[in-house]
Amino acid sequence: MAIFAFITFIWLLPIIIIVGSNRTTGGEKAAWVLAVIFVSWFAWVFYMLLAPIKNRD
């Protein structure tokens, strides 16, 4: 049971980091979370490299 909890935490960690980040907001943040869930866990790496795509004023 502890192994399952650990694996679940590791899988959710990128989502938690994106949701808690202030690099993006609103729809852009939702798009990144959906990318992590449906495309690949490695989308989180792209989030760290590319977000924000445009500068906020």
N, C-alpha and C. Protein backbone atom coordinates (compact mmCIF):
# COMPACT_ATOMS: atom_id res chain seq x y z
N MET A 1 0.83 -1.20 0.00
CA MET A 1 0.00 0.00 0.00
C MET A 1 0.87 1.25 0.00
N ALA A 2 1.96 1.23 0.74
CA ALA A 2 2.84 2.40 0.80
C ALA A 2 3.50 2.63 -0.55
N ILE A 3 3.82 1.57 -1.26
CA ILE A 3 4.44 1.72 -2.58
C ILE A 3 3.45 2.36 -3.55
N PHE A 4 2.20 1.95 -3.50
CA PHE A 4 1.17 2.54 -4.35
C PHE A 4 1.02 4.04 -4.06
N ALA A 5 1.01 4.41 -2.78
CA ALA A 5 0.90 5.82 -2.40
C ALA A 5 2.10 6.61 -2.90
N PHE A 6 3.29 6.05 -2.82
CA PHE A 6 4.50 6.72 -3.28
C PHE A 6 4.46 6.92 -4.79
N ILE A 7 4.07 5.89 -5.53
CA ILE A 7 3.99 6.00 -6.99
C ILE A 7 2.94 7.03 -7.39
N THR A 8 1.81 7.04 -6.71
CA THR A 8 0.77 8.03 -6.99
C THR A 8 1.27 9.44 -6.72
N PHE A 9 1.99 9.62 -5.64
CA PHE A 9 2.55 10.94 -5.32
C PHE A 9 3.54 11.39 -6.40
N ILE A 10 4.40 10.49 -6.84
CA ILE A 10 5.37 10.82 -7.89
C ILE A 10 4.66 11.19 -9.18
N TRP A 11 3.58 10.48 -9.51
CA TRP A 11 2.82 10.78 -10.72
C TRP A 11 2.12 12.13 -10.62
N LEU A 12 1.64 12.49 -9.43
CA LEU A 12 0.92 13.75 -9.24
C LEU A 12 1.84 14.94 -9.01
N LEU A 13 3.09 14.71 -8.70
CA LEU A 13 4.01 15.80 -8.36
C LEU A 13 4.10 16.88 -9.44
N PRO A 14 4.26 16.56 -10.72
CA PRO A 14 4.29 17.63 -11.72
C PRO A 14 3.00 18.45 -11.76
N ILE A 15 1.87 17.79 -11.58
CA ILE A 15 0.60 18.51 -11.58
C ILE A 15 0.52 19.45 -10.38
N ILE A 16 0.97 18.99 -9.24
CA ILE A 16 0.98 19.83 -8.04
C ILE A 16 1.88 21.03 -8.23
N ILE A 17 3.05 20.82 -8.85
CA ILE A 17 3.99 21.91 -9.08
C ILE A 17 3.40 22.94 -10.05
N ILE A 18 2.77 22.48 -11.12
CA ILE A 18 2.17 23.41 -12.09
C ILE A 18 1.03 24.19 -11.46
N VAL A 19 0.16 23.51 -10.73
CA VAL A 19 -0.98 24.20 -10.10
C VAL A 19 -0.50 25.22 -9.08
N GLY A 20 0.55 24.92 -8.35
CA GLY A 20 1.07 25.85 -7.34
C GLY A 20 1.97 26.93 -7.87
N SER A 21 2.36 26.85 -9.14
CA SER A 21 3.28 27.81 -9.72
C SER A 21 2.59 29.11 -10.06
N ASN A 22 3.34 30.20 -10.04
CA ASN A 22 2.78 31.48 -10.45
C ASN A 22 3.35 31.92 -11.80
N ARG A 23 3.98 31.01 -12.53
CA ARG A 23 4.53 31.31 -13.85
C ARG A 23 3.45 31.48 -14.89
N THR A 24 2.32 30.80 -14.73
CA THR A 24 1.20 30.89 -15.66
C THR A 24 -0.10 31.04 -14.88
N THR A 25 -1.14 31.45 -15.58
CA THR A 25 -2.44 31.61 -14.93
C THR A 25 -3.53 31.10 -15.85
N GLY A 26 -4.67 30.87 -15.28
CA GLY A 26 -5.90 30.56 -16.02
C GLY A 26 -5.82 29.43 -17.00
N GLY A 27 -6.22 29.74 -18.24
CA GLY A 27 -6.30 28.73 -19.28
C GLY A 27 -4.96 28.14 -19.65
N GLU A 28 -3.91 28.94 -19.58
CA GLU A 28 -2.59 28.42 -19.90
C GLU A 28 -2.16 27.36 -18.89
N LYS A 29 -2.45 27.62 -17.62
CA LYS A 29 -2.13 26.65 -16.58
C LYS A 29 -2.94 25.36 -16.77
N ALA A 30 -4.21 25.51 -17.11
CA ALA A 30 -5.06 24.34 -17.35
C ALA A 30 -4.54 23.53 -18.53
N ALA A 31 -4.07 24.22 -19.57
CA ALA A 31 -3.53 23.52 -20.74
C ALA A 31 -2.28 22.73 -20.38
N TRP A 32 -1.42 23.29 -19.55
CA TRP A 32 -0.22 22.57 -19.13
C TRP A 32 -0.58 21.34 -18.30
N VAL A 33 -1.54 21.49 -17.40
CA VAL A 33 -1.96 20.34 -16.57
C VAL A 33 -2.54 19.24 -17.46
N LEU A 34 -3.37 19.62 -18.43
CA LEU A 34 -3.94 18.63 -19.34
C LEU A 34 -2.85 17.97 -20.19
N ALA A 35 -1.83 18.74 -20.57
CA ALA A 35 -0.72 18.16 -21.33
C ALA A 35 0.01 17.12 -20.50
N VAL A 36 0.21 17.40 -19.23
CA VAL A 36 0.89 16.43 -18.35
C VAL A 36 0.03 15.17 -18.20
N ILE A 37 -1.26 15.34 -18.05
CA ILE A 37 -2.14 14.20 -17.83
C ILE A 37 -2.28 13.35 -19.10
N PHE A 38 -2.53 13.99 -20.24
CA PHE A 38 -2.89 13.24 -21.43
C PHE A 38 -1.74 13.00 -22.40
N VAL A 39 -0.75 13.85 -22.44
CA VAL A 39 0.33 13.69 -23.41
C VAL A 39 1.46 12.88 -22.81
N SER A 40 2.03 13.42 -21.77
CA SER A 40 3.16 12.74 -21.17
C SER A 40 3.56 13.42 -19.88
N TRP A 41 4.12 12.63 -18.99
CA TRP A 41 4.64 13.18 -17.76
C TRP A 41 5.79 14.14 -18.05
N PHE A 42 6.47 13.93 -19.17
CA PHE A 42 7.59 14.79 -19.54
C PHE A 42 7.15 16.17 -20.02
N ALA A 43 5.86 16.38 -20.20
CA ALA A 43 5.37 17.72 -20.53
C ALA A 43 5.72 18.69 -19.42
N TRP A 44 5.89 18.17 -18.22
CA TRP A 44 6.30 19.00 -17.08
C TRP A 44 7.68 19.61 -17.33
N VAL A 45 8.58 18.86 -17.95
CA VAL A 45 9.91 19.37 -18.28
C VAL A 45 9.77 20.53 -19.26
N PHE A 46 8.91 20.38 -20.26
CA PHE A 46 8.68 21.46 -21.20
C PHE A 46 8.05 22.67 -20.51
N TYR A 47 7.20 22.43 -19.54
CA TYR A 47 6.62 23.53 -18.76
C TYR A 47 7.72 24.32 -18.08
N MET A 48 8.65 23.63 -17.46
CA MET A 48 9.73 24.31 -16.76
C MET A 48 10.63 25.08 -17.72
N LEU A 49 10.77 24.60 -18.93
CA LEU A 49 11.63 25.27 -19.91
C LEU A 49 10.92 26.40 -20.66
N LEU A 50 9.65 26.24 -20.94
CA LEU A 50 8.95 27.15 -21.84
C LEU A 50 7.99 28.12 -21.17
N ALA A 51 7.46 27.81 -20.04
CA ALA A 51 6.45 28.68 -19.42
C ALA A 51 7.11 29.84 -18.72
N PRO A 52 6.64 31.00 -18.75
CA PRO A 52 5.53 31.45 -19.59
C PRO A 52 5.99 31.66 -21.02
N ILE A 53 5.10 31.37 -21.95
CA ILE A 53 5.42 31.52 -23.37
C ILE A 53 5.53 32.99 -23.71
N LYS A 54 4.70 33.82 -23.11
CA LYS A 54 4.79 35.26 -23.33
C LYS A 54 4.90 35.97 -21.98
N ASN A 55 5.49 37.14 -22.01
CA ASN A 55 5.67 37.91 -20.77
C ASN A 55 4.36 38.50 -20.32
N ARG A 56 4.13 38.48 -19.02
CA ARG A 56 2.93 39.11 -18.46
C ARG A 56 3.27 40.54 -18.08
N ASP A 57 2.35 41.44 -18.31
CA ASP A 57 2.58 42.85 -17.96
C ASP A 57 2.09 43.14 -16.56
